Amino acid sequence: MSDDKPKANPTVEGYNLLAENKDRVGTSPWGESDYQRHYVWPGVRPLLPDVARKRVFDAGCGIGDYTEWFLEHGAEVVGVDASSRAIAIAKSRLGHRADFHCTDLTNPLEFTAQSEFDLVFSNLVLGHIEHWRPVFEEFRRILTTDGTFVFTAIHPVRRYRRHRDELASYYDIDSYTLEWGDTGATVEQYHRPISEIVNSLSESGFRLDEFREITPQEDYRECNPDRYERALKEPDTLCVRARPFDAEQERL
């Protein structure tokens, strides 16, 4: 007799475990981490538009760190994450100030309408997803024609240099498993070359607007001196801004 029960997603289970043990995790995966506070957020913040009175889709919102920032700056926010434990924490923090959904970004966003949002923001989430085009096509659908898509990701060069023994080649989309310290949580990560990042955007109806290989703030030196020094010499983290385009209009 076959077992038709869906297999658990190890990445979702990993983040559920990290959320359940939030106060006991040494290196936080959330916005409170030194890496995000002193490196990622200062790099991506300048790419964001004015969000006052705008509709924001926080794709992979986790426990709501950036959802809260958008709310404080006058936005209406819909937050989505595949981790039910993270969503529960976000709801307990922010109540009904934002609309939260527990769903995988690789599924159709059936609760959203076409051209509903002014900004789609995704922070360090897309690295857990193998196929970007279907996800980007959904983001394109829910964005207004003058909307903005901003995301951050680990730089492919960093991924390949650190995990080359687990990957087929730099040029392939390939996965590896990351163990989160001594928490027992594991998450799956995907490497893809820079060309695949750019092509995934253009083939999904986006025009690349800004592509930044950011460097950390000086404050990060005290938190993680080794990574700080490496990040000043070689690519570590990407911040990308893209905008929807109409292929027919582009040809006119």
Protein backbone atom coordinates (compact mmCIF):
# COMPACT_ATOMS: atom_id res chain seq x y z
CA MET A 1 0.00 0.00 0.00
CA SER A 2 1.50 3.30 -1.08
CA ASP A 3 1.86 6.22 1.30
CA ASP A 4 0.26 9.28 -0.32
CA LYS A 5 1.02 11.57 2.59
CA PRO A 6 3.01 14.61 1.34
CA LYS A 7 6.64 14.61 2.37
CA ALA A 8 7.65 17.28 4.86
CA ASN A 9 9.70 20.10 3.41
CA PRO A 10 13.02 20.02 5.32
CA THR A 11 13.53 23.76 4.94
CA VAL A 12 10.08 24.53 6.34
CA GLU A 13 10.66 22.10 9.18
CA GLY A 14 14.04 23.71 9.80
CA TYR A 15 12.57 27.20 10.09
CA ASN A 16 9.75 25.91 12.27
CA LEU A 17 12.39 24.56 14.62
CA LEU A 18 14.34 27.82 14.53
CA ALA A 19 11.17 29.78 15.28
CA GLU A 20 10.17 27.48 18.14
CA ASN A 21 13.61 27.96 19.69
CA LYS A 22 13.96 31.61 18.75
CA ASP A 23 15.36 32.78 22.08
CA ARG A 24 17.90 29.94 22.28
CA VAL A 25 19.36 30.11 18.76
CA GLY A 26 22.92 31.44 18.78
CA THR A 27 22.94 32.84 15.24
CA SER A 28 19.51 34.20 14.43
CA PRO A 29 18.09 33.73 10.92
CA TRP A 30 15.80 36.73 11.40
CA GLY A 31 16.15 40.47 10.97
CA GLU A 32 17.62 40.86 14.45
CA SER A 33 20.85 39.10 13.41
CA ASP A 34 24.09 41.07 13.20
CA TYR A 35 24.43 40.04 9.55
CA GLN A 36 21.10 41.56 8.65
CA ARG A 37 21.28 44.64 10.91
CA HIS A 38 24.83 45.69 9.95
CA TYR A 39 25.13 44.29 6.44
CA VAL A 40 21.99 43.34 4.52
CA TRP A 41 19.49 45.95 5.70
CA PRO A 42 21.80 48.99 5.27
CA GLY A 43 22.54 47.72 1.76
CA VAL A 44 18.97 47.11 0.65
CA ARG A 45 17.23 50.00 2.42
CA PRO A 46 18.31 52.62 -0.20
CA LEU A 47 16.71 50.51 -2.96
CA LEU A 48 13.25 50.71 -1.41
CA PRO A 49 10.70 53.28 -2.60
CA ASP A 50 8.66 55.47 -0.28
CA VAL A 51 6.11 53.01 1.14
CA ALA A 52 3.73 55.45 2.84
CA ARG A 53 0.15 54.61 1.81
CA LYS A 54 1.47 51.81 -0.43
CA ARG A 55 0.59 48.12 -0.56
CA VAL A 56 3.58 45.89 0.25
CA PHE A 57 3.89 42.13 -0.25
CA ASP A 58 6.52 40.78 2.17
CA ALA A 59 7.52 37.51 0.47
CA GLY A 60 9.05 35.27 3.11
CA CYS A 61 8.26 37.54 6.04
CA GLY A 62 9.54 35.19 8.75
CA ILE A 63 8.65 36.50 12.20
CA GLY A 64 7.68 39.91 10.83
CA ASP A 65 10.81 42.03 11.33
CA TYR A 66 10.54 43.88 8.03
CA THR A 67 6.77 43.72 8.02
CA GLU A 68 6.92 45.83 11.16
CA TRP A 69 9.28 48.32 9.51
CA PHE A 70 6.94 48.74 6.54
CA LEU A 71 3.99 49.24 8.87
CA GLU A 72 5.86 51.87 10.87
CA HIS A 73 6.51 53.72 7.60
CA GLY A 74 2.87 53.87 6.65
CA ALA A 75 2.41 50.85 4.39
CA GLU A 76 -0.34 48.25 4.24
CA VAL A 77 1.37 44.87 4.37
CA VAL A 78 0.60 41.30 3.43
CA GLY A 79 3.19 38.91 4.85
CA VAL A 80 3.71 35.38 3.56
CA ASP A 81 5.90 32.59 4.87
CA ALA A 82 5.97 28.81 4.61
CA SER A 83 6.84 28.39 8.29
CA SER A 84 3.69 28.18 10.39
CA ARG A 85 5.71 28.80 13.56
CA ALA A 86 7.26 31.97 12.15
CA ILE A 87 3.86 33.22 11.00
CA ALA A 88 2.44 32.56 14.48
CA ILE A 89 5.18 34.73 16.01
CA ALA A 90 4.58 37.47 13.45
CA LYS A 91 0.86 37.46 14.24
CA SER A 92 1.50 37.59 17.98
CA ARG A 93 3.83 40.57 17.50
CA LEU A 94 1.75 42.58 15.07
CA GLY A 95 -1.81 41.36 15.57
CA HIS A 96 -4.19 42.63 12.89
CA ARG A 97 -1.91 45.44 11.74
CA ALA A 98 -0.83 43.20 8.83
CA ASP A 99 -2.46 40.38 6.90
CA PHE A 100 -0.47 37.12 7.22
CA HIS A 101 -0.68 33.92 5.19
CA CYS A 102 1.17 30.66 5.76
CA THR A 103 1.95 29.40 2.28
CA ASP A 104 4.85 28.39 0.09
CA LEU A 105 5.92 31.00 -2.45
CA THR A 106 6.17 28.27 -5.08
CA ASN A 107 2.38 27.89 -4.91
CA PRO A 108 0.01 30.21 -6.80
CA LEU A 109 -0.85 33.23 -4.65
CA GLU A 110 -4.57 32.70 -4.99
CA PHE A 111 -5.45 35.13 -2.18
CA THR A 112 -3.93 38.04 -4.12
CA ALA A 113 -5.37 40.06 -7.00
CA GLN A 114 -3.69 41.21 -10.18
CA SER A 115 -1.85 44.54 -9.83
CA GLU A 116 -2.65 44.64 -6.10
CA PHE A 117 0.76 45.67 -4.73
CA ASP A 118 3.16 48.56 -5.16
CA LEU A 119 6.17 46.67 -3.77
CA VAL A 120 7.21 43.03 -3.51
CA PHE A 121 10.04 42.62 -1.01
CA SER A 122 11.88 39.34 -0.43
CA ASN A 123 14.82 39.19 1.96
CA LEU A 124 17.20 36.19 1.88
CA VAL A 125 14.36 33.83 0.93
CA LEU A 126 14.78 33.04 -2.77
CA GLY A 127 17.92 31.01 -2.08
CA HIS A 128 15.63 28.27 -0.74
CA ILE A 129 13.73 28.04 -4.05
CA GLU A 130 14.94 26.01 -7.03
CA HIS A 131 12.87 27.46 -9.86
CA TRP A 132 12.52 31.25 -9.81
CA ARG A 133 10.56 31.95 -12.99
CA PRO A 134 7.13 30.76 -11.79
CA VAL A 135 7.61 32.70 -8.55
CA PHE A 136 8.69 35.84 -10.39
CA GLU A 137 5.75 35.52 -12.78
CA GLU A 138 3.40 35.59 -9.79
CA PHE A 139 5.21 38.62 -8.39
CA ARG A 140 4.85 40.29 -11.79
CA ARG A 141 1.12 39.51 -11.79
CA ILE A 142 0.44 41.02 -8.37
CA LEU A 143 2.54 44.17 -8.94
CA THR A 144 1.15 47.37 -10.40
CA THR A 145 2.64 48.43 -13.73
CA ASP A 146 4.78 51.04 -11.95
CA GLY A 147 5.53 48.80 -8.97
CA THR A 148 8.90 47.65 -7.63
CA PHE A 149 10.42 44.26 -6.85
CA VAL A 150 13.34 44.29 -4.39
CA PHE A 151 15.15 41.22 -3.11
CA THR A 152 18.36 40.17 -1.41
CA ALA A 153 20.32 36.95 -1.85
CA ILE A 154 23.63 35.37 -1.01
CA HIS A 155 26.03 36.10 -3.86
CA PRO A 156 26.59 33.09 -6.17
CA VAL A 157 30.35 33.49 -5.84
CA ARG A 158 30.15 33.08 -2.07
CA ARG A 159 27.86 30.08 -2.42
CA TYR A 160 30.12 28.37 -4.91
CA ARG A 161 33.38 29.04 -3.08
CA ARG A 162 32.03 27.79 0.23
CA HIS A 163 30.13 24.76 -1.12
CA ARG A 164 31.90 23.80 -4.34
CA ASP A 165 32.43 20.21 -3.12
CA GLU A 166 28.64 19.83 -2.88
CA LEU A 167 27.83 21.47 -6.24
CA ALA A 168 28.13 20.19 -9.80
CA SER A 169 29.57 23.42 -11.19
CA TYR A 170 29.27 27.18 -10.91
CA TYR A 171 27.05 27.28 -14.00
CA ASP A 172 24.36 24.86 -12.79
CA ILE A 173 21.42 25.35 -10.47
CA ASP A 174 22.22 22.94 -7.68
CA SER A 175 21.35 22.44 -4.04
CA TYR A 176 23.15 21.75 -0.80
CA THR A 177 22.01 21.30 2.80
CA LEU A 178 22.97 23.79 5.46
CA GLU A 179 23.02 22.77 9.13
CA TRP A 180 22.09 25.71 11.37
CA GLY A 181 24.71 25.57 14.07
CA ASP A 182 23.92 23.08 16.82
CA THR A 183 20.14 23.67 16.70
CA GLY A 184 19.38 20.47 14.77
CA ALA A 185 17.68 22.56 12.08
CA THR A 186 18.65 22.00 8.45
CA VAL A 187 17.63 24.07 5.43
CA GLU A 188 18.10 23.51 1.72
CA GLN A 189 19.87 26.19 -0.30
CA TYR A 190 20.21 26.61 -4.06
CA HIS A 191 23.16 27.97 -5.94
CA ARG A 192 22.62 29.60 -9.34
CA PRO A 193 24.97 31.65 -11.52
CA ILE A 194 24.52 35.38 -11.93
CA SER A 195 23.28 34.88 -15.50
CA GLU A 196 20.42 32.77 -14.18
CA ILE A 197 19.41 35.50 -11.73
CA VAL A 198 19.30 38.10 -14.50
CA ASN A 199 17.57 35.83 -17.03
CA SER A 200 14.95 34.74 -14.49
CA LEU A 201 13.96 38.38 -14.11
CA SER A 202 13.90 39.32 -17.79
CA GLU A 203 12.02 36.17 -18.81
CA SER A 204 9.38 36.81 -16.14
CA GLY A 205 8.50 40.32 -17.24
CA PHE A 206 10.96 42.39 -15.21
CA ARG A 207 13.54 44.97 -16.20
CA LEU A 208 16.65 45.04 -14.03
CA ASP A 209 16.92 48.45 -12.39
CA GLU A 210 19.69 48.07 -9.78
CA PHE A 211 22.16 45.27 -9.06
CA ARG A 212 24.36 45.87 -6.03
CA GLU A 213 27.15 43.71 -4.66
CA ILE A 214 27.05 45.31 -1.23
CA THR A 215 29.70 45.60 1.46
CA PRO A 216 29.02 45.54 5.21
CA GLN A 217 28.83 48.46 7.60
CA GLU A 218 31.82 49.11 9.87
CA ASP A 219 29.72 47.92 12.86
CA TYR A 220 29.74 44.41 11.40
CA ARG A 221 33.51 44.16 11.94
CA GLU A 222 33.05 43.65 15.69
CA CYS A 223 30.25 41.11 15.21
CA ASN A 224 31.92 38.90 12.62
CA PRO A 225 35.46 40.09 11.79
CA ASP A 226 36.28 37.18 9.47
CA ARG A 227 33.22 37.57 7.27
CA TYR A 228 33.57 41.35 7.37
CA GLU A 229 37.12 41.22 6.03
CA ARG A 230 36.23 38.67 3.34
CA ALA A 231 33.21 40.69 2.25
CA LEU A 232 35.41 43.72 1.63
CA LYS A 233 37.51 41.70 -0.82
CA GLU A 234 35.08 39.35 -2.57
CA PRO A 235 31.32 39.25 -3.31
CA ASP A 236 29.12 38.06 -0.45
CA THR A 237 25.58 39.47 -0.72
CA LEU A 238 23.40 40.86 -3.51
CA CYS A 239 20.66 43.48 -3.42
CA VAL A 240 18.51 43.70 -6.53
CA ARG A 241 15.77 46.06 -7.68
CA ALA A 242 13.62 45.32 -10.73
CA ARG A 243 10.51 46.82 -12.31
CA PRO A 244 7.75 45.28 -14.42
CA PHE A 245 7.80 45.90 -18.13
CA ASP A 246 5.28 45.28 -20.91
CA ALA A 247 6.90 43.46 -23.83
CA GLU A 248 4.40 44.87 -26.29
CA GLN A 249 4.98 48.43 -25.11
CA GLU A 250 8.75 47.91 -25.25
CA ARG A 251 8.48 47.05 -28.96
CA LEU A 252 6.46 50.18 -29.80
